[in-house]
Amino acid sequence: MIRILTYNEIDRAQWQALVEQSPTATWFQTPEAYQFYMSVPSELSTFVYAIQLDDNLKALVCGYVTREHSPVKQFFTRRAIIVGGPLIANDATDDQLQWLLQEVKERLHSEAIYIEIRNLHYYSPWKHAFEQAGFAYQPHLNIQVACNAQHQMSEQRIRQVKKALKNGVEIYQAQSEADIKAWYQILQQLYRKKVRTPLWSEDFFLQFYRDGVGKYLLVKHEGKIIGGMMCPILEGKTIYEWYVCGLDEDFRECYPSVVATYAAIEYAKEHGLPIFDFMGAGKPDIPYGVRDFKMEFGGEIVEHGRYLHVNKPLLYRIGKWGVNLLKHSRW
């Protein structure tokens, strides 16, 4: 018998077993990620759906619906995000994945203007299932670093790290909520001045620390936090760059963003994590300075892409126009 399951119907042991066995496993599809999403209800609403054949889970998607806080913006910014892509069993079939994706699409139709699946693995073998379920492929690049003895950063990045450490920069794991608050102020400034896209509230980042589901690898100079990275961790497999920031212009000889990235790669090597995942490097064939920066850490460019289904085309077009306006406006 085949069934679609929701959260309360999913056996936790089976879910964890699927995480451990699936070739498409990421932290973002784990029970821990779901619990973290659930712990910040003011920021997002969480969903998880799975498909079960007899007593075996064949595929699962875990994600969230988020929106801006003002009443008008809420209406135009309702979006469902599935970070990492579906969690798929080795013996799952196209039909099973297609059925699950169709159910996700139908159940989120009234809640979200669009559904975006941000892949962190190759899903080429299941492309037909995505397309048959109504999800269109969107090219998107990523960079992943193999954290082994052969790994080598560019000479420029090596020089910068050595210079920063010589200048008294310290790599520091967050020890208190005060550390998170200091780091968040830097991140908030970055998003306000340069990124210009929505950012979670401070409580989102504090809750990540409270839940202990990853690490904050911070950069300090003379006792002051000047940068750092928020890193979810899939034990034994991957450490992720979810958010990173640094006061690079104010501390030019300390290279905080460089040191933060170096810190995550070194953490992976020291703790037996084979992969450091940058979680995005822009669109192919479009120049992107951030991608150039990331490539100097010795990673490989991959195109895992994204899948998109638009529930409400008109609202989707209006929302895209609003985001572009925000990015190009002067503050």
C-alpha atoms as a PDB file:
ATOM      1  CA  MET A   1       0.000   0.000   0.000  1.00  0.00           C
ATOM      2  CA  ILE A   2       1.309   3.448  -0.934  1.00  0.00           C
ATOM      3  CA  ARG A   3       0.523   6.509   1.187  1.00  0.00           C
ATOM      4  CA  ILE A   4       1.418  10.172   1.554  1.00  0.00           C
ATOM      5  CA  LEU A   5       2.391  10.930   5.152  1.00  0.00           C
ATOM      6  CA  THR A   6       2.518  14.171   7.115  1.00  0.00           C
ATOM      7  CA  TYR A   7       4.713  14.945  10.119  1.00  0.00           C
ATOM      8  CA  ASN A   8       2.777  13.119  12.826  1.00  0.00           C
ATOM      9  CA  GLU A   9       2.538   9.997  10.661  1.00  0.00           C
ATOM     10  CA  ILE A  10       6.243   9.717   9.821  1.00  0.00           C
ATOM     11  CA  ASP A  11       8.218   7.242  11.902  1.00  0.00           C
ATOM     12  CA  ARG A  12      11.258   9.129  13.250  1.00  0.00           C
ATOM     13  CA  ALA A  13      13.552   6.108  13.121  1.00  0.00           C
ATOM     14  CA  GLN A  14      12.678   5.527   9.467  1.00  0.00           C
ATOM     15  CA  TRP A  15      13.215   9.206   8.695  1.00  0.00           C
ATOM     16  CA  GLN A  16      16.660   9.120  10.306  1.00  0.00           C
ATOM     17  CA  ALA A  17      17.508   5.874   8.506  1.00  0.00           C
ATOM     18  CA  LEU A  18      16.582   7.486   5.190  1.00  0.00           C
ATOM     19  CA  VAL A  19      18.876  10.429   5.981  1.00  0.00           C
ATOM     20  CA  GLU A  20      21.744   8.019   6.643  1.00  0.00           C
ATOM     21  CA  GLN A  21      21.166   5.953   3.507  1.00  0.00           C
ATOM     22  CA  SER A  22      19.921   8.412   0.880  1.00  0.00           C
ATOM     23  CA  PRO A  23      22.334   9.633  -1.822  1.00  0.00           C
ATOM     24  CA  THR A  24      20.565  13.017  -1.697  1.00  0.00           C
ATOM     25  CA  ALA A  25      20.759  13.565   2.068  1.00  0.00           C
ATOM     26  CA  THR A  26      21.354  17.088   3.394  1.00  0.00           C
ATOM     27  CA  TRP A  27      21.008  18.619   6.841  1.00  0.00           C
ATOM     28  CA  PHE A  28      18.000  20.562   5.587  1.00  0.00           C
ATOM     29  CA  GLN A  29      15.969  17.377   5.200  1.00  0.00           C
ATOM     30  CA  THR A  30      16.679  15.967   8.662  1.00  0.00           C
ATOM     31  CA  PRO A  31      14.340  15.742  11.668  1.00  0.00           C
ATOM     32  CA  GLU A  32      16.665  18.247  13.382  1.00  0.00           C
ATOM     33  CA  ALA A  33      16.145  20.786  10.610  1.00  0.00           C
ATOM     34  CA  TYR A  34      12.381  20.356  10.852  1.00  0.00           C
ATOM     35  CA  GLN A  35      12.476  20.882  14.609  1.00  0.00           C
ATOM     36  CA  PHE A  36      14.574  24.009  14.153  1.00  0.00           C
ATOM     37  CA  TYR A  37      12.130  25.388  11.572  1.00  0.00           C
ATOM     38  CA  MET A  38       9.305  24.650  14.003  1.00  0.00           C
ATOM     39  CA  SER A  39      11.073  26.581  16.764  1.00  0.00           C
ATOM     40  CA  VAL A  40      10.834  29.891  14.856  1.00  0.00           C
ATOM     41  CA  PRO A  41       7.104  30.125  14.017  1.00  0.00           C
ATOM     42  CA  SER A  42       7.246  33.913  13.815  1.00  0.00           C
ATOM     43  CA  GLU A  43       9.547  33.581  10.795  1.00  0.00           C
ATOM     44  CA  LEU A  44       8.074  30.666   8.870  1.00  0.00           C
ATOM     45  CA  SER A  45       5.598  27.804   8.804  1.00  0.00           C
ATOM     46  CA  THR A  46       6.994  24.331   8.305  1.00  0.00           C
ATOM     47  CA  PHE A  47       5.872  21.356   6.264  1.00  0.00           C
ATOM     48  CA  VAL A  48       7.067  17.826   5.690  1.00  0.00           C
ATOM     49  CA  TYR A  49       5.556  15.200   3.412  1.00  0.00           C
ATOM     50  CA  ALA A  50       6.748  11.681   2.701  1.00  0.00           C
ATOM     51  CA  ILE A  51       5.704   8.828   0.462  1.00  0.00           C
ATOM     52  CA  GLN A  52       5.579   5.342   1.963  1.00  0.00           C
ATOM     53  CA  LEU A  53       5.283   1.992   0.230  1.00  0.00           C
ATOM     54  CA  ASP A  54       4.070  -0.663   2.654  1.00  0.00           C
ATOM     55  CA  ASP A  55       6.212   0.235   5.695  1.00  0.00           C
ATOM     56  CA  ASN A  56       9.154   1.821   3.871  1.00  0.00           C
ATOM     57  CA  LEU A  57       9.789   5.524   3.242  1.00  0.00           C
ATOM     58  CA  LYS A  58      10.665   6.132  -0.393  1.00  0.00           C
ATOM     59  CA  ALA A  59      11.037   9.926  -0.495  1.00  0.00           C
ATOM     60  CA  LEU A  60      10.529  12.941   1.741  1.00  0.00           C
ATOM     61  CA  VAL A  61      10.481  16.716   1.401  1.00  0.00           C
ATOM     62  CA  CYS A  62      10.922  19.124   4.289  1.00  0.00           C
ATOM     63  CA  GLY A  63      10.612  22.874   3.857  1.00  0.00           C
ATOM     64  CA  TYR A  64       8.991  26.070   4.975  1.00  0.00           C
ATOM     65  CA  VAL A  65       6.653  28.808   3.827  1.00  0.00           C
ATOM     66  CA  THR A  66       7.872  32.305   4.587  1.00  0.00           C
ATOM     67  CA  ARG A  67       6.739  35.855   3.866  1.00  0.00           C
ATOM     68  CA  GLU A  68       7.479  39.440   4.813  1.00  0.00           C
ATOM     69  CA  HIS A  69       5.872  40.803   7.973  1.00  0.00           C
ATOM     70  CA  SER A  70       3.926  43.816   6.713  1.00  0.00           C
ATOM     71  CA  PRO A  71       0.327  43.003   5.617  1.00  0.00           C
ATOM     72  CA  VAL A  72       0.819  44.181   2.029  1.00  0.00           C
ATOM     73  CA  LYS A  73       4.199  42.477   1.569  1.00  0.00           C
ATOM     74  CA  GLN A  74       2.855  39.247   3.068  1.00  0.00           C
ATOM     75  CA  PHE A  75       0.390  38.919   0.227  1.00  0.00           C
ATOM     76  CA  PHE A  76       3.052  39.284  -2.470  1.00  0.00           C
ATOM     77  CA  THR A  77       5.919  37.359  -0.846  1.00  0.00           C
ATOM     78  CA  ARG A  78       4.412  34.025   0.215  1.00  0.00           C
ATOM     79  CA  ARG A  79       6.916  31.436  -0.954  1.00  0.00           C
ATOM     80  CA  ALA A  80       7.641  27.785  -0.175  1.00  0.00           C
ATOM     81  CA  ILE A  81      11.298  26.831  -0.050  1.00  0.00           C
ATOM     82  CA  ILE A  82      12.679  23.299   0.007  1.00  0.00           C
ATOM     83  CA  VAL A  83      16.379  23.667   0.736  1.00  0.00           C
ATOM     84  CA  GLY A  84      18.570  20.754  -0.299  1.00  0.00           C
ATOM     85  CA  GLY A  85      16.062  18.962  -2.517  1.00  0.00           C
ATOM     86  CA  PRO A  86      13.994  15.828  -1.826  1.00  0.00           C
ATOM     87  CA  LEU A  87      15.383  13.045   0.323  1.00  0.00           C
ATOM     88  CA  ILE A  88      15.133   9.982  -1.915  1.00  0.00           C
ATOM     89  CA  ALA A  89      15.698   6.285  -1.154  1.00  0.00           C
ATOM     90  CA  ASN A  90      18.076   4.304  -3.350  1.00  0.00           C
ATOM     91  CA  ASP A  91      15.236   2.149  -4.642  1.00  0.00           C
ATOM     92  CA  ALA A  92      12.646   4.908  -5.132  1.00  0.00           C
ATOM     93  CA  THR A  93      10.955   5.080  -8.524  1.00  0.00           C
ATOM     94  CA  ASP A  94      10.146   8.032 -10.751  1.00  0.00           C
ATOM     95  CA  ASP A  95       6.448   7.439 -10.177  1.00  0.00           C
ATOM     96  CA  GLN A  96       6.846   7.591  -6.405  1.00  0.00           C
ATOM     97  CA  LEU A  97       8.795  10.854  -6.503  1.00  0.00           C
ATOM     98  CA  GLN A  98       6.357  12.333  -9.016  1.00  0.00           C
ATOM     99  CA  TRP A  99       3.386  11.477  -6.818  1.00  0.00           C
ATOM    100  CA  LEU A 100       5.062  13.064  -3.785  1.00  0.00           C
ATOM    101  CA  LEU A 101       5.897  16.249  -5.683  1.00  0.00           C
ATOM    102  CA  GLN A 102       2.371  16.520  -7.038  1.00  0.00           C
ATOM    103  CA  GLU A 103       0.992  16.213  -3.515  1.00  0.00           C
ATOM    104  CA  VAL A 104       3.383  18.921  -2.285  1.00  0.00           C
ATOM    105  CA  LYS A 105       2.278  21.198  -5.120  1.00  0.00           C
ATOM    106  CA  GLU A 106      -1.419  20.679  -4.439  1.00  0.00           C
ATOM    107  CA  ARG A 107      -1.186  20.999  -0.651  1.00  0.00           C
ATOM    108  CA  LEU A 108       0.799  24.240  -0.856  1.00  0.00           C
ATOM    109  CA  HIS A 109      -1.224  25.784  -3.661  1.00  0.00           C
ATOM    110  CA  SER A 110      -3.195  28.172  -1.464  1.00  0.00           C
ATOM    111  CA  GLU A 111      -0.295  28.927   0.909  1.00  0.00           C
ATOM    112  CA  ALA A 112       2.488  29.919  -1.475  1.00  0.00           C
ATOM    113  CA  ILE A 113       2.814  31.929  -4.672  1.00  0.00           C
ATOM    114  CA  TYR A 114       5.581  29.606  -5.781  1.00  0.00           C
ATOM    115  CA  ILE A 115       7.533  26.554  -4.639  1.00  0.00           C
ATOM    116  CA  GLU A 116      11.296  26.560  -5.105  1.00  0.00           C
ATOM    117  CA  ILE A 117      13.468  23.479  -4.616  1.00  0.00           C
ATOM    118  CA  ARG A 118      17.108  24.450  -4.079  1.00  0.00           C
ATOM    119  CA  ASN A 119      19.095  21.339  -4.938  1.00  0.00           C
ATOM    120  CA  LEU A 120      22.360  20.510  -3.197  1.00  0.00           C
ATOM    121  CA  HIS A 121      22.850  17.225  -5.062  1.00  0.00           C
ATOM    122  CA  TYR A 122      22.484  16.060  -8.652  1.00  0.00           C
ATOM    123  CA  TYR A 123      18.887  15.169  -9.460  1.00  0.00           C
ATOM    124  CA  SER A 124      19.419  14.327 -13.128  1.00  0.00           C
ATOM    125  CA  PRO A 125      18.135  10.739 -12.733  1.00  0.00           C
ATOM    126  CA  TRP A 126      14.804  12.131 -11.505  1.00  0.00           C
ATOM    127  CA  LYS A 127      14.440  15.049 -13.911  1.00  0.00           C
ATOM    128  CA  HIS A 128      11.475  13.414 -15.654  1.00  0.00           C
ATOM    129  CA  ALA A 129       9.633  13.026 -12.329  1.00  0.00           C
ATOM    130  CA  PHE A 130      10.114  16.718 -11.505  1.00  0.00           C
ATOM    131  CA  GLU A 131       8.924  17.842 -14.912  1.00  0.00           C
ATOM    132  CA  GLN A 132       5.904  15.523 -14.930  1.00  0.00           C
ATOM    133  CA  ALA A 133       4.932  16.946 -11.546  1.00  0.00           C
ATOM    134  CA  GLY A 134       5.019  20.469 -12.959  1.00  0.00           C
ATOM    135  CA  PHE A 135       8.422  21.698 -11.758  1.00  0.00           C
ATOM    136  CA  ALA A 136      10.628  23.530 -14.250  1.00  0.00           C
ATOM    137  CA  TYR A 137      14.405  23.263 -14.076  1.00  0.00           C
ATOM    138  CA  GLN A 138      16.328  26.496 -13.382  1.00  0.00           C
ATOM    139  CA  PRO A 139      20.115  26.470 -13.975  1.00  0.00           C
ATOM    140  CA  HIS A 140      22.025  27.441 -10.842  1.00  0.00           C
ATOM    141  CA  LEU A 141      25.608  26.854  -9.783  1.00  0.00           C
ATOM    142  CA  ASN A 142      27.168  25.837  -6.505  1.00  0.00           C
ATOM    143  CA  ILE A 143      30.692  25.220  -5.229  1.00  0.00           C
ATOM    144  CA  GLN A 144      31.660  22.277  -3.057  1.00  0.00           C
ATOM    145  CA  VAL A 145      35.057  21.775  -1.453  1.00  0.00           C
ATOM    146  CA  ALA A 146      36.516  18.307  -0.873  1.00  0.00           C
ATOM    147  CA  CYS A 147      38.033  18.641   2.606  1.00  0.00           C
ATOM    148  CA  ASN A 148      40.872  16.131   2.438  1.00  0.00           C
ATOM    149  CA  ALA A 149      44.653  16.075   2.556  1.00  0.00           C
ATOM    150  CA  GLN A 150      44.862  17.071  -1.118  1.00  0.00           C
ATOM    151  CA  HIS A 151      42.765  20.204  -0.692  1.00  0.00           C
ATOM    152  CA  GLN A 152      44.554  23.434  -1.555  1.00  0.00           C
ATOM    153  CA  MET A 153      43.399  27.049  -1.510  1.00  0.00           C
ATOM    154  CA  SER A 154      44.793  29.627  -3.912  1.00  0.00           C
ATOM    155  CA  GLU A 155      48.107  31.248  -3.004  1.00  0.00           C
ATOM    156  CA  GLN A 156      46.325  34.557  -2.492  1.00  0.00           C
ATOM    157  CA  ARG A 157      43.900  33.100   0.062  1.00  0.00           C
ATOM    158  CA  ILE A 158      46.739  31.304   1.869  1.00  0.00           C
ATOM    159  CA  ARG A 159      48.682  34.561   2.150  1.00  0.00           C
ATOM    160  CA  GLN A 160      45.620  36.394   3.440  1.00  0.00           C
ATOM    161  CA  VAL A 161      44.902  33.791   6.118  1.00  0.00           C
ATOM    162  CA  LYS A 162      48.533  33.791   7.275  1.00  0.00           C
ATOM    163  CA  LYS A 163      48.581  37.593   7.391  1.00  0.00           C
ATOM    164  CA  ALA A 164      45.322  37.740   9.319  1.00  0.00           C
ATOM    165  CA  LEU A 165      46.518  35.243  11.915  1.00  0.00           C
ATOM    166  CA  LYS A 166      49.816  37.108  12.211  1.00  0.00           C
ATOM    167  CA  ASN A 167      47.835  40.303  12.829  1.00  0.00           C
ATOM    168  CA  GLY A 168      46.129  38.717  15.804  1.00  0.00           C
ATOM    169  CA  VAL A 169      42.914  37.394  14.258  1.00  0.00           C
ATOM    170  CA  GLU A 170      41.349  34.506  16.172  1.00  0.00           C
ATOM    171  CA  ILE A 171      38.939  31.789  15.054  1.00  0.00           C
ATOM    172  CA  TYR A 172      36.332  31.336  17.719  1.00  0.00           C
ATOM    173  CA  GLN A 173      33.276  29.131  18.192  1.00  0.00           C
ATOM    174  CA  ALA A 174      30.345  31.121  19.564  1.00  0.00           C
ATOM    175  CA  GLN A 175      29.986  30.701  23.321  1.00  0.00           C
ATOM    176  CA  SER A 176      26.994  32.884  24.137  1.00  0.00           C
ATOM    177  CA  GLU A 177      23.945  34.610  22.735  1.00  0.00           C
ATOM    178  CA  ALA A 178      25.894  37.869  23.015  1.00  0.00           C
ATOM    179  CA  ASP A 179      28.306  36.461  20.409  1.00  0.00           C
ATOM    180  CA  ILE A 180      25.406  35.727  18.070  1.00  0.00           C
ATOM    181  CA  LYS A 181      23.957  39.199  18.545  1.00  0.00           C
ATOM    182  CA  ALA A 182      27.291  40.851  17.723  1.00  0.00           C
ATOM    183  CA  TRP A 183      27.668  38.709  14.600  1.00  0.00           C
ATOM    184  CA  TYR A 184      24.066  39.372  13.547  1.00  0.00           C
ATOM    185  CA  GLN A 185      24.675  43.122  13.578  1.00  0.00           C
ATOM    186  CA  ILE A 186      27.360  42.624  10.931  1.00  0.00           C
ATOM    187  CA  LEU A 187      25.117  40.352   8.867  1.00  0.00           C
ATOM    188  CA  GLN A 188      22.215  42.788   9.098  1.00  0.00           C
ATOM    189  CA  GLN A 189      24.435  45.620   7.897  1.00  0.00           C
ATOM    190  CA  LEU A 190      25.584  43.522   4.934  1.00  0.00           C
ATOM    191  CA  TYR A 191      22.010  42.740   3.897  1.00  0.00           C
ATOM    192  CA  ARG A 192      20.875  46.327   4.338  1.00  0.00           C
ATOM    193  CA  LYS A 193      23.678  47.872   2.304  1.00  0.00           C
ATOM    194  CA  LYS A 194      24.658  45.267  -0.296  1.00  0.00           C
ATOM    195  CA  VAL A 195      22.512  42.140  -0.526  1.00  0.00           C
ATOM    196  CA  ARG A 196      19.177  43.951  -0.222  1.00  0.00           C
ATOM    197  CA  THR A 197      17.031  40.875   0.080  1.00  0.00           C
ATOM    198  CA  PRO A 198      14.932  39.818   3.103  1.00  0.00           C
ATOM    199  CA  LEU A 199      16.789  38.588   6.180  1.00  0.00           C
ATOM    200  CA  TRP A 200      15.475  36.606   9.143  1.00  0.00           C
ATOM    201  CA  SER A 201      15.131  38.382  12.468  1.00  0.00           C
ATOM    202  CA  GLU A 202      17.763  38.081  15.174  1.00  0.00           C
ATOM    203  CA  ASP A 203      15.678  35.447  16.962  1.00  0.00           C
ATOM    204  CA  PHE A 204      16.053  33.046  14.022  1.00  0.00           C
ATOM    205  CA  PHE A 205      19.820  33.028  14.459  1.00  0.00           C
ATOM    206  CA  LEU A 206      19.650  32.909  18.247  1.00  0.00           C
ATOM    207  CA  GLN A 207      17.360  29.880  18.054  1.00  0.00           C
ATOM    208  CA  PHE A 208      19.810  28.079  15.753  1.00  0.00           C
ATOM    209  CA  TYR A 209      22.426  28.559  18.479  1.00  0.00           C
ATOM    210  CA  ARG A 210      20.043  27.467  21.254  1.00  0.00           C
ATOM    211  CA  ASP A 211      19.071  24.319  19.374  1.00  0.00           C
ATOM    212  CA  GLY A 212      22.744  23.364  18.884  1.00  0.00           C
ATOM    213  CA  VAL A 213      22.141  21.993  15.389  1.00  0.00           C
ATOM    214  CA  GLY A 214      25.326  23.487  13.932  1.00  0.00           C
ATOM    215  CA  LYS A 215      28.185  25.850  14.650  1.00  0.00           C
ATOM    216  CA  TYR A 216      28.867  29.548  14.553  1.00  0.00           C
ATOM    217  CA  LEU A 217      32.507  29.918  13.531  1.00  0.00           C
ATOM    218  CA  LEU A 218      33.387  33.505  14.393  1.00  0.00           C
ATOM    219  CA  VAL A 219      36.351  35.748  13.618  1.00  0.00           C
ATOM    220  CA  LYS A 220      37.672  37.994  16.372  1.00  0.00           C
ATOM    221  CA  HIS A 221      40.292  40.738  16.516  1.00  0.00           C
ATOM    222  CA  GLU A 222      41.367  42.311  19.788  1.00  0.00           C
ATOM    223  CA  GLY A 223      38.285  40.884  21.480  1.00  0.00           C
ATOM    224  CA  LYS A 224      35.829  42.216  18.876  1.00  0.00           C
ATOM    225  CA  ILE A 225      33.787  39.952  16.597  1.00  0.00           C
ATOM    226  CA  ILE A 226      34.466  41.105  13.037  1.00  0.00           C
ATOM    227  CA  GLY A 227      32.864  38.296  11.035  1.00  0.00           C
ATOM    228  CA  GLY A 228      31.886  34.673  10.954  1.00  0.00           C
ATOM    229  CA  MET A 229      29.751  31.929   9.487  1.00  0.00           C
ATOM    230  CA  MET A 230      26.586  30.064  10.483  1.00  0.00           C
ATOM    231  CA  CYS A 231      27.134  26.387   9.651  1.00  0.00           C
ATOM    232  CA  PRO A 232      24.555  23.585   9.789  1.00  0.00           C
ATOM    233  CA  ILE A 233      26.279  20.202   9.898  1.00  0.00           C
ATOM    234  CA  LEU A 234      25.200  16.824   8.557  1.00  0.00           C
ATOM    235  CA  GLU A 235      27.355  14.582  10.725  1.00  0.00           C
ATOM    236  CA  GLY A 236      29.912  12.527   8.849  1.00  0.00           C
ATOM    237  CA  LYS A 237      29.089  14.188   5.540  1.00  0.00           C
ATOM    238  CA  THR A 238      28.837  17.955   5.082  1.00  0.00           C
ATOM    239  CA  ILE A 239      29.247  21.367   6.679  1.00  0.00           C
ATOM    240  CA  TYR A 240      27.291  24.193   5.033  1.00  0.00           C
ATOM    241  CA  GLU A 241      27.791  27.922   4.620  1.00  0.00           C
ATOM    242  CA  TRP A 242      24.258  29.112   5.322  1.00  0.00           C
ATOM    243  CA  TYR A 243      25.142  32.700   6.252  1.00  0.00           C
ATOM    244  CA  VAL A 244      28.509  34.449   6.286  1.00  0.00           C
ATOM    245  CA  CYS A 245      29.615  38.029   6.800  1.00  0.00           C
ATOM    246  CA  GLY A 246      32.650  40.112   7.694  1.00  0.00           C
ATOM    247  CA  LEU A 247      33.728  43.683   8.279  1.00  0.00           C
ATOM    248  CA  ASP A 248      36.141  43.431   5.361  1.00  0.00           C
ATOM    249  CA  GLU A 249      36.268  47.151   4.610  1.00  0.00           C
ATOM    250  CA  ASP A 250      36.851  48.136   8.238  1.00  0.00           C
ATOM    251  CA  PHE A 251      39.472  45.449   8.910  1.00  0.00           C
ATOM    252  CA  ARG A 252      41.295  45.176   5.602  1.00  0.00           C
ATOM    253  CA  GLU A 253      44.392  43.506   7.055  1.00  0.00           C
ATOM    254  CA  CYS A 254      42.309  40.908   8.894  1.00  0.00           C
ATOM    255  CA  TYR A 255      40.278  39.482   5.974  1.00  0.00           C
ATOM    256  CA  PRO A 256      37.357  38.345   8.170  1.00  0.00           C
ATOM    257  CA  SER A 257      35.302  36.781   5.360  1.00  0.00           C
ATOM    258  CA  VAL A 258      38.323  34.854   4.113  1.00  0.00           C
ATOM    259  CA  VAL A 259      39.185  33.628   7.595  1.00  0.00           C
ATOM    260  CA  ALA A 260      35.573  32.605   8.279  1.00  0.00           C
ATOM    261  CA  THR A 261      35.537  30.422   5.169  1.00  0.00           C
ATOM    262  CA  TYR A 262      38.960  28.985   5.985  1.00  0.00           C
ATOM    263  CA  ALA A 263      37.680  28.203   9.497  1.00  0.00           C
ATOM    264  CA  ALA A 264      34.773  26.141   8.147  1.00  0.00           C
ATOM    265  CA  ILE A 265      37.024  24.142   5.826  1.00  0.00           C
ATOM    266  CA  GLU A 266      39.482  23.468   8.640  1.00  0.00           C
ATOM    267  CA  TYR A 267      36.614  22.461  10.933  1.00  0.00           C
ATOM    268  CA  ALA A 268      35.499  19.950   8.300  1.00  0.00           C
ATOM    269  CA  LYS A 269      38.986  18.446   8.051  1.00  0.00           C
ATOM    270  CA  GLU A 270      39.346  18.182  11.819  1.00  0.00           C
ATOM    271  CA  HIS A 271      35.935  16.563  12.327  1.00  0.00           C
ATOM    272  CA  GLY A 272      35.825  14.089   9.447  1.00  0.00           C
ATOM    273  CA  LEU A 273      33.395  15.988   7.229  1.00  0.00           C
ATOM    274  CA  PRO A 274      34.271  15.258   3.584  1.00  0.00           C
ATOM    275  CA  ILE A 275      32.467  18.264   2.047  1.00  0.00           C
ATOM    276  CA  PHE A 276      32.192  21.998   2.663  1.00  0.00           C
ATOM    277  CA  ASP A 277      29.189  23.287   0.724  1.00  0.00           C
ATOM    278  CA  PHE A 278      28.967  26.977  -0.243  1.00  0.00           C
ATOM    279  CA  MET A 279      25.211  26.614  -0.955  1.00  0.00           C
ATOM    280  CA  GLY A 280      25.180  28.699  -4.104  1.00  0.00           C
ATOM    281  CA  ALA A 281      27.327  30.438  -6.693  1.00  0.00           C
ATOM    282  CA  GLY A 282      24.889  32.242  -8.968  1.00  0.00           C
ATOM    283  CA  LYS A 283      23.611  31.540 -12.451  1.00  0.00           C
ATOM    284  CA  PRO A 284      25.749  30.145 -15.274  1.00  0.00           C
ATOM    285  CA  ASP A 285      27.146  32.561 -17.872  1.00  0.00           C
ATOM    286  CA  ILE A 286      26.452  35.589 -15.661  1.00  0.00           C
ATOM    287  CA  PRO A 287      29.532  37.219 -14.078  1.00  0.00           C
ATOM    288  CA  TYR A 288      29.374  36.990 -10.303  1.00  0.00           C
ATOM    289  CA  GLY A 289      32.115  38.324  -8.057  1.00  0.00           C
ATOM    290  CA  VAL A 290      31.028  36.175  -5.119  1.00  0.00           C
ATOM    291  CA  ARG A 291      31.577  33.045  -7.225  1.00  0.00           C
ATOM    292  CA  ASP A 292      35.097  34.203  -8.095  1.00  0.00           C
ATOM    293  CA  PHE A 293      35.793  34.768  -4.392  1.00  0.00           C
ATOM    294  CA  LYS A 294      34.519  31.315  -3.445  1.00  0.00           C
ATOM    295  CA  MET A 295      36.469  29.510  -6.175  1.00  0.00           C
ATOM    296  CA  GLU A 296      39.766  30.540  -4.600  1.00  0.00           C
ATOM    297  CA  PHE A 297      39.113  28.182  -1.690  1.00  0.00           C
ATOM    298  CA  GLY A 298      39.830  25.128  -3.813  1.00  0.00           C
ATOM    299  CA  GLY A 299      36.329  23.927  -4.584  1.00  0.00           C
ATOM    300  CA  GLU A 300      34.601  22.515  -7.652  1.00  0.00           C
ATOM    301  CA  ILE A 301      31.789  24.236  -9.523  1.00  0.00           C
ATOM    302  CA  VAL A 302      28.715  22.043  -9.861  1.00  0.00           C
ATOM    303  CA  GLU A 303      25.356  22.724 -11.438  1.00  0.00           C
ATOM    304  CA  HIS A 304      22.735  21.121  -9.245  1.00  0.00           C
ATOM    305  CA  GLY A 305      20.166  23.696 -10.320  1.00  0.00           C
ATOM    306  CA  ARG A 306      16.780  24.463  -8.857  1.00  0.00           C
ATOM    307  CA  TYR A 307      13.219  23.397  -9.593  1.00  0.00           C
ATOM    308  CA  LEU A 308      10.388  25.899  -9.635  1.00  0.00           C
ATOM    309  CA  HIS A 309       6.625  25.614  -9.696  1.00  0.00           C
ATOM    310  CA  VAL A 310       4.597  28.820  -9.832  1.00  0.00           C
ATOM    311  CA  ASN A 311       1.154  28.554  -8.253  1.00  0.00           C
ATOM    312  CA  LYS A 312       0.079  32.151  -8.978  1.00  0.00           C
ATOM    313  CA  PRO A 313       1.839  33.587 -12.066  1.00  0.00           C
ATOM    314  CA  LEU A 314       0.608  37.187 -11.757  1.00  0.00           C
ATOM    315  CA  LEU A 315       1.595  37.521  -8.103  1.00  0.00           C
ATOM    316  CA  TYR A 316       4.902  35.836  -8.906  1.00  0.00           C
ATOM    317  CA  ARG A 317       5.718  38.453 -11.562  1.00  0.00           C
ATOM    318  CA  ILE A 318       4.768  41.284  -9.195  1.00  0.00           C
ATOM    319  CA  GLY A 319       6.923  39.795  -6.442  1.00  0.00           C
ATOM    320  CA  LYS A 320       9.947  39.455  -8.732  1.00  0.00           C
ATOM    321  CA  TRP A 321       9.536  43.063  -9.804  1.00  0.00           C
ATOM    322  CA  GLY A 322       9.445  44.142  -6.149  1.00  0.00           C
ATOM    323  CA  VAL A 323      12.625  42.222  -5.275  1.00  0.00           C
ATOM    324  CA  ASN A 324      14.489  43.742  -8.230  1.00  0.00           C
ATOM    325  CA  LEU A 325      13.291  47.190  -7.239  1.00  0.00           C
ATOM    326  CA  LEU A 326      14.562  46.647  -3.701  1.00  0.00           C
ATOM    327  CA  LYS A 327      17.975  45.445  -4.905  1.00  0.00           C
ATOM    328  CA  HIS A 328      18.520  48.451  -7.145  1.00  0.00           C
ATOM    329  CA  SER A 329      17.041  51.154  -4.936  1.00  0.00           C
ATOM    330  CA  ARG A 330      19.158  53.680  -3.060  1.00  0.00           C
ATOM    331  CA  TRP A 331      18.816  53.791   0.691  1.00  0.00           C
END
